[in-house]
């Protein structure tokens, strides 16, 4: 039951974030659900591996390179999911930040 609730909250967060940002296009609620699943999977599987591989540059930049990794993962999801488009890298970073804020707000209210 908790997994379904998290999926619904993630879907709503992706849908609201895409509605707010002009540089992000989303076809509909079904696409938002697919984006939430793919983004969650990518963050669970690829993100730790990439962060370990980029640890030296992350240390040199005092952790700021993590934002580059997050933006790249959002662009990867945009490339993988048809109907989800991100204009450029800057919008991918803004999307990730706004999505994080909305997820934090929704998670507090459940």
N, C-alpha and C. Protein backbone atom coordinates (compact mmCIF):
# COMPACT_ATOMS: atom_id res chain seq x y z
N UNK A 1 0.82 -1.20 0.00
CA UNK A 1 0.00 0.00 0.00
C UNK A 1 0.86 1.26 0.00
N UNK A 2 1.98 1.21 0.74
CA UNK A 2 2.87 2.36 0.82
C UNK A 2 3.54 2.64 -0.52
N UNK A 3 3.86 1.58 -1.27
CA UNK A 3 4.47 1.76 -2.59
C UNK A 3 3.51 2.47 -3.53
N UNK A 4 2.24 2.09 -3.49
CA UNK A 4 1.24 2.72 -4.35
C UNK A 4 1.07 4.18 -3.97
N UNK A 5 1.05 4.47 -2.67
CA UNK A 5 0.93 5.86 -2.22
C UNK A 5 2.12 6.69 -2.68
N UNK A 6 3.33 6.13 -2.56
CA UNK A 6 4.53 6.84 -3.03
C UNK A 6 4.50 7.06 -4.54
N UNK A 7 4.01 6.08 -5.28
CA UNK A 7 3.89 6.22 -6.73
C UNK A 7 2.91 7.33 -7.10
N UNK A 8 1.79 7.39 -6.42
CA UNK A 8 0.79 8.43 -6.69
C UNK A 8 1.35 9.80 -6.33
N UNK A 9 2.01 9.91 -5.17
CA UNK A 9 2.59 11.20 -4.78
C UNK A 9 3.70 11.63 -5.73
N UNK A 10 4.52 10.67 -6.17
CA UNK A 10 5.57 10.99 -7.14
C UNK A 10 4.99 11.44 -8.47
N UNK A 11 3.92 10.78 -8.89
CA UNK A 11 3.26 11.16 -10.14
C UNK A 11 2.69 12.56 -10.06
N UNK A 12 2.02 12.85 -8.96
CA UNK A 12 1.45 14.20 -8.78
C UNK A 12 2.57 15.24 -8.74
N UNK A 13 3.68 14.92 -8.08
CA UNK A 13 4.80 15.86 -8.00
C UNK A 13 5.39 16.13 -9.38
N UNK A 14 5.56 15.08 -10.19
CA UNK A 14 6.08 15.26 -11.55
C UNK A 14 5.11 16.08 -12.38
N UNK A 15 3.82 15.79 -12.28
CA UNK A 15 2.80 16.49 -13.06
C UNK A 15 2.76 17.98 -12.69
N UNK A 16 2.77 18.28 -11.39
CA UNK A 16 2.73 19.67 -10.94
C UNK A 16 4.01 20.41 -11.35
N UNK A 17 5.14 19.76 -11.19
CA UNK A 17 6.42 20.39 -11.55
C UNK A 17 6.46 20.71 -13.04
N UNK A 18 6.03 19.77 -13.87
CA UNK A 18 6.02 20.01 -15.32
C UNK A 18 5.02 21.09 -15.69
N UNK A 19 3.93 21.21 -14.93
CA UNK A 19 2.93 22.25 -15.21
C UNK A 19 3.46 23.65 -14.86
N UNK A 20 4.31 23.72 -13.85
CA UNK A 20 4.83 25.01 -13.39
C UNK A 20 5.93 25.53 -14.31
N UNK A 21 6.80 24.64 -14.78
CA UNK A 21 7.99 25.07 -15.51
C UNK A 21 7.73 25.13 -17.02
N UNK A 22 8.03 26.26 -17.64
CA UNK A 22 7.80 26.39 -19.08
C UNK A 22 8.80 25.60 -19.93
N UNK A 23 9.94 25.24 -19.40
CA UNK A 23 10.95 24.52 -20.16
C UNK A 23 10.77 23.00 -20.12
N UNK A 24 9.71 22.54 -19.47
CA UNK A 24 9.45 21.11 -19.35
C UNK A 24 8.08 20.81 -19.92
N UNK A 25 8.02 19.84 -20.84
CA UNK A 25 6.76 19.46 -21.48
C UNK A 25 6.42 18.03 -21.09
N UNK A 26 5.15 17.81 -20.78
CA UNK A 26 4.65 16.51 -20.36
C UNK A 26 3.32 16.27 -21.05
N UNK A 27 3.15 15.10 -21.67
CA UNK A 27 1.94 14.82 -22.44
C UNK A 27 0.69 14.64 -21.59
N UNK A 28 0.81 14.02 -20.43
CA UNK A 28 -0.36 13.81 -19.60
C UNK A 28 -0.01 13.11 -18.30
N UNK A 29 -1.07 12.74 -17.58
CA UNK A 29 -0.88 12.14 -16.27
C UNK A 29 -0.25 10.75 -16.38
N UNK A 30 -0.60 10.01 -17.42
CA UNK A 30 0.00 8.68 -17.63
C UNK A 30 1.51 8.80 -17.86
N UNK A 31 1.89 9.78 -18.65
CA UNK A 31 3.31 10.02 -18.89
C UNK A 31 4.01 10.43 -17.59
N UNK A 32 3.32 11.22 -16.76
CA UNK A 32 3.89 11.62 -15.47
C UNK A 32 4.14 10.40 -14.60
N UNK A 33 3.24 9.42 -14.66
CA UNK A 33 3.43 8.19 -13.88
C UNK A 33 4.65 7.41 -14.38
N UNK A 34 4.79 7.34 -15.69
CA UNK A 34 5.95 6.64 -16.27
C UNK A 34 7.24 7.37 -15.89
N UNK A 35 7.22 8.70 -15.95
CA UNK A 35 8.40 9.49 -15.58
C UNK A 35 8.75 9.25 -14.11
N UNK A 36 7.73 9.21 -13.24
CA UNK A 36 7.99 8.99 -11.81
C UNK A 36 8.64 7.62 -11.58
N UNK A 37 8.17 6.60 -12.29
CA UNK A 37 8.74 5.26 -12.12
C UNK A 37 10.16 5.21 -12.67
N UNK A 38 10.37 5.74 -13.86
CA UNK A 38 11.70 5.69 -14.48
C UNK A 38 12.68 6.55 -13.68
N UNK A 39 12.26 7.73 -13.25
CA UNK A 39 13.14 8.59 -12.47
C UNK A 39 13.50 7.95 -11.13
N UNK A 40 12.54 7.31 -10.50
CA UNK A 40 12.83 6.60 -9.25
C UNK A 40 13.79 5.45 -9.46
N UNK A 41 13.62 4.72 -10.55
CA UNK A 41 14.51 3.61 -10.85
C UNK A 41 15.92 4.10 -11.17
N UNK A 42 16.01 5.13 -11.97
CA UNK A 42 17.31 5.70 -12.33
C UNK A 42 18.02 6.24 -11.09
N UNK A 43 17.27 6.91 -10.22
CA UNK A 43 17.88 7.44 -9.00
C UNK A 43 18.32 6.34 -8.04
N UNK A 44 17.61 5.22 -8.05
CA UNK A 44 17.96 4.12 -7.15
C UNK A 44 19.13 3.29 -7.68
N UNK A 45 19.22 3.15 -9.01
CA UNK A 45 20.22 2.25 -9.59
C UNK A 45 21.46 3.01 -10.08
N UNK A 46 21.26 4.00 -10.93
CA UNK A 46 22.39 4.69 -11.56
C UNK A 46 23.04 5.76 -10.70
N UNK A 47 22.25 6.51 -9.97
CA UNK A 47 22.80 7.64 -9.23
C UNK A 47 23.91 7.25 -8.25
N UNK A 48 23.73 6.21 -7.42
CA UNK A 48 24.84 5.85 -6.52
C UNK A 48 26.11 5.44 -7.27
N UNK A 49 25.95 4.72 -8.37
CA UNK A 49 27.12 4.29 -9.14
C UNK A 49 27.84 5.49 -9.74
N UNK A 50 27.08 6.41 -10.31
CA UNK A 50 27.69 7.60 -10.92
C UNK A 50 28.35 8.47 -9.86
N UNK A 51 27.70 8.60 -8.70
CA UNK A 51 28.30 9.43 -7.65
C UNK A 51 29.60 8.82 -7.12
N UNK A 52 29.67 7.50 -7.05
CA UNK A 52 30.92 6.87 -6.63
C UNK A 52 32.00 7.06 -7.69
N UNK A 53 31.63 6.92 -8.96
CA UNK A 53 32.61 7.09 -10.04
C UNK A 53 33.12 8.53 -10.14
N UNK A 54 32.28 9.48 -9.79
CA UNK A 54 32.67 10.89 -9.89
C UNK A 54 33.09 11.46 -8.54
N UNK A 55 33.38 10.61 -7.58
CA UNK A 55 33.75 11.08 -6.25
C UNK A 55 34.94 12.04 -6.24
N UNK A 56 36.01 11.77 -6.99
CA UNK A 56 37.14 12.73 -6.95
C UNK A 56 36.75 14.14 -7.42
N UNK A 57 36.00 14.23 -8.51
CA UNK A 57 35.60 15.56 -8.98
C UNK A 57 34.58 16.19 -8.05
N UNK A 58 33.78 15.35 -7.41
CA UNK A 58 32.81 15.84 -6.44
C UNK A 58 33.52 16.43 -5.22
N UNK A 59 34.59 15.81 -4.80
CA UNK A 59 35.36 16.33 -3.67
C UNK A 59 36.02 17.65 -4.06
N UNK A 60 36.58 17.71 -5.27
CA UNK A 60 37.24 18.94 -5.73
C UNK A 60 36.27 20.12 -5.84
N UNK A 61 35.03 19.83 -6.22
CA UNK A 61 34.04 20.90 -6.39
C UNK A 61 33.18 21.08 -5.15
N UNK A 62 33.56 20.43 -4.05
CA UNK A 62 32.84 20.51 -2.77
C UNK A 62 31.38 20.09 -2.91
N UNK A 63 31.14 19.09 -3.72
CA UNK A 63 29.80 18.52 -3.87
C UNK A 63 28.94 19.15 -4.94
N UNK A 64 29.41 20.22 -5.57
CA UNK A 64 28.59 20.89 -6.58
C UNK A 64 28.42 20.05 -7.85
N UNK A 65 29.33 19.13 -8.09
CA UNK A 65 29.20 18.28 -9.28
C UNK A 65 27.98 17.36 -9.17
N UNK A 66 27.47 17.16 -7.96
CA UNK A 66 26.26 16.36 -7.78
C UNK A 66 25.10 16.95 -8.57
N UNK A 67 25.03 18.29 -8.65
CA UNK A 67 23.98 18.92 -9.43
C UNK A 67 24.09 18.57 -10.91
N UNK A 68 25.30 18.46 -11.40
CA UNK A 68 25.50 18.06 -12.79
C UNK A 68 25.00 16.64 -13.01
N UNK A 69 25.28 15.75 -12.06
CA UNK A 69 24.82 14.37 -12.15
C UNK A 69 23.30 14.32 -12.14
N UNK A 70 22.66 15.07 -11.25
CA UNK A 70 21.21 15.07 -11.15
C UNK A 70 20.58 15.61 -12.44
N UNK A 71 21.13 16.69 -12.97
CA UNK A 71 20.63 17.23 -14.23
C UNK A 71 20.79 16.25 -15.37
N UNK A 72 21.91 15.55 -15.40
CA UNK A 72 22.12 14.54 -16.43
C UNK A 72 21.13 13.39 -16.32
N UNK A 73 20.80 12.99 -15.11
CA UNK A 73 19.83 11.91 -14.93
C UNK A 73 18.43 12.33 -15.36
N UNK A 74 18.07 13.58 -15.10
CA UNK A 74 16.77 14.07 -15.57
C UNK A 74 16.74 14.10 -17.09
N UNK A 75 17.84 14.51 -17.71
CA UNK A 75 17.89 14.51 -19.17
C UNK A 75 17.87 13.09 -19.72
N UNK A 76 18.47 12.15 -19.03
CA UNK A 76 18.41 10.74 -19.43
C UNK A 76 16.97 10.24 -19.40
N UNK A 77 16.24 10.59 -18.35
CA UNK A 77 14.83 10.18 -18.27
C UNK A 77 14.03 10.84 -19.39
N UNK A 78 14.31 12.10 -19.69
CA UNK A 78 13.62 12.78 -20.80
C UNK A 78 13.91 12.09 -22.13
N UNK A 79 15.12 11.57 -22.27
CA UNK A 79 15.48 10.86 -23.50
C UNK A 79 14.79 9.49 -23.57
N UNK A 80 14.61 8.85 -22.41
CA UNK A 80 14.03 7.51 -22.37
C UNK A 80 12.51 7.49 -22.50
N UNK A 81 11.85 8.49 -21.95
CA UNK A 81 10.38 8.49 -21.88
C UNK A 81 9.81 9.39 -22.98
N UNK A 82 9.09 8.80 -23.92
CA UNK A 82 8.44 9.64 -24.94
C UNK A 82 7.29 10.44 -24.31
N UNK A 83 7.18 11.69 -24.70
CA UNK A 83 6.15 12.55 -24.14
C UNK A 83 6.64 13.41 -23.00
N UNK A 84 7.89 13.24 -22.62
CA UNK A 84 8.50 14.05 -21.56
C UNK A 84 9.72 14.72 -22.17
N UNK A 85 9.68 16.04 -22.24
CA UNK A 85 10.76 16.79 -22.86
C UNK A 85 11.27 17.88 -21.92
N UNK A 86 12.58 18.00 -21.86
CA UNK A 86 13.22 19.05 -21.09
C UNK A 86 14.02 19.89 -22.08
N UNK A 87 13.82 21.21 -22.05
CA UNK A 87 14.41 22.09 -23.06
C UNK A 87 15.94 22.02 -23.07
N UNK A 88 16.57 22.14 -21.92
CA UNK A 88 18.03 22.09 -21.86
C UNK A 88 18.47 21.69 -20.46
N UNK A 89 19.78 21.71 -20.25
CA UNK A 89 20.34 21.26 -18.98
C UNK A 89 19.89 22.13 -17.81
N UNK A 90 19.78 23.41 -18.05
CA UNK A 90 19.35 24.34 -16.99
C UNK A 90 17.95 23.99 -16.50
N UNK A 91 17.05 23.69 -17.44
CA UNK A 91 15.69 23.30 -17.06
C UNK A 91 15.67 21.95 -16.36
N UNK A 92 16.60 21.07 -16.70
CA UNK A 92 16.69 19.78 -16.00
C UNK A 92 17.07 20.00 -14.54
N UNK A 93 17.99 20.91 -14.29
CA UNK A 93 18.37 21.23 -12.90
C UNK A 93 17.21 21.87 -12.14
N UNK A 94 16.53 22.81 -12.79
CA UNK A 94 15.39 23.47 -12.14
C UNK A 94 14.28 22.46 -11.88
N UNK A 95 14.04 21.56 -12.83
CA UNK A 95 13.03 20.52 -12.66
C UNK A 95 13.35 19.66 -11.44
N UNK A 96 14.60 19.25 -11.32
CA UNK A 96 15.00 18.40 -10.19
C UNK A 96 14.82 19.13 -8.87
N UNK A 97 15.18 20.41 -8.82
CA UNK A 97 15.05 21.19 -7.59
C UNK A 97 13.58 21.37 -7.20
N UNK A 98 12.75 21.78 -8.15
CA UNK A 98 11.33 22.00 -7.86
C UNK A 98 10.66 20.68 -7.50
N UNK A 99 11.02 19.60 -8.19
CA UNK A 99 10.47 18.28 -7.88
C UNK A 99 10.82 17.88 -6.45
N UNK A 100 12.05 18.15 -6.04
CA UNK A 100 12.46 17.84 -4.68
C UNK A 100 11.62 18.61 -3.66
N UNK A 101 11.37 19.90 -3.91
CA UNK A 101 10.59 20.72 -2.99
C UNK A 101 9.15 20.21 -2.91
N UNK A 102 8.55 19.93 -4.05
CA UNK A 102 7.17 19.44 -4.07
C UNK A 102 7.07 18.06 -3.41
N UNK A 103 8.02 17.19 -3.67
CA UNK A 103 8.03 15.87 -3.01
C UNK A 103 8.15 16.02 -1.50
N UNK A 104 8.99 16.94 -1.05
CA UNK A 104 9.15 17.16 0.39
C UNK A 104 7.84 17.65 1.00
N UNK A 105 7.16 18.55 0.31
CA UNK A 105 5.88 19.06 0.80
C UNK A 105 4.83 17.95 0.83
N UNK A 106 4.73 17.17 -0.23
CA UNK A 106 3.74 16.10 -0.29
C UNK A 106 4.05 14.99 0.73
N UNK A 107 5.31 14.71 0.95
CA UNK A 107 5.68 13.67 1.91
C UNK A 107 5.36 14.08 3.34
N UNK A 108 5.46 15.36 3.63
CA UNK A 108 5.10 15.84 4.96
C UNK A 108 3.61 15.70 5.23
N UNK A 109 2.80 15.84 4.18
CA UNK A 109 1.35 15.85 4.37
C UNK A 109 0.73 14.45 4.38
N UNK A 110 1.52 13.39 4.10
CA UNK A 110 0.89 12.07 4.09
C UNK A 110 0.86 11.41 5.44
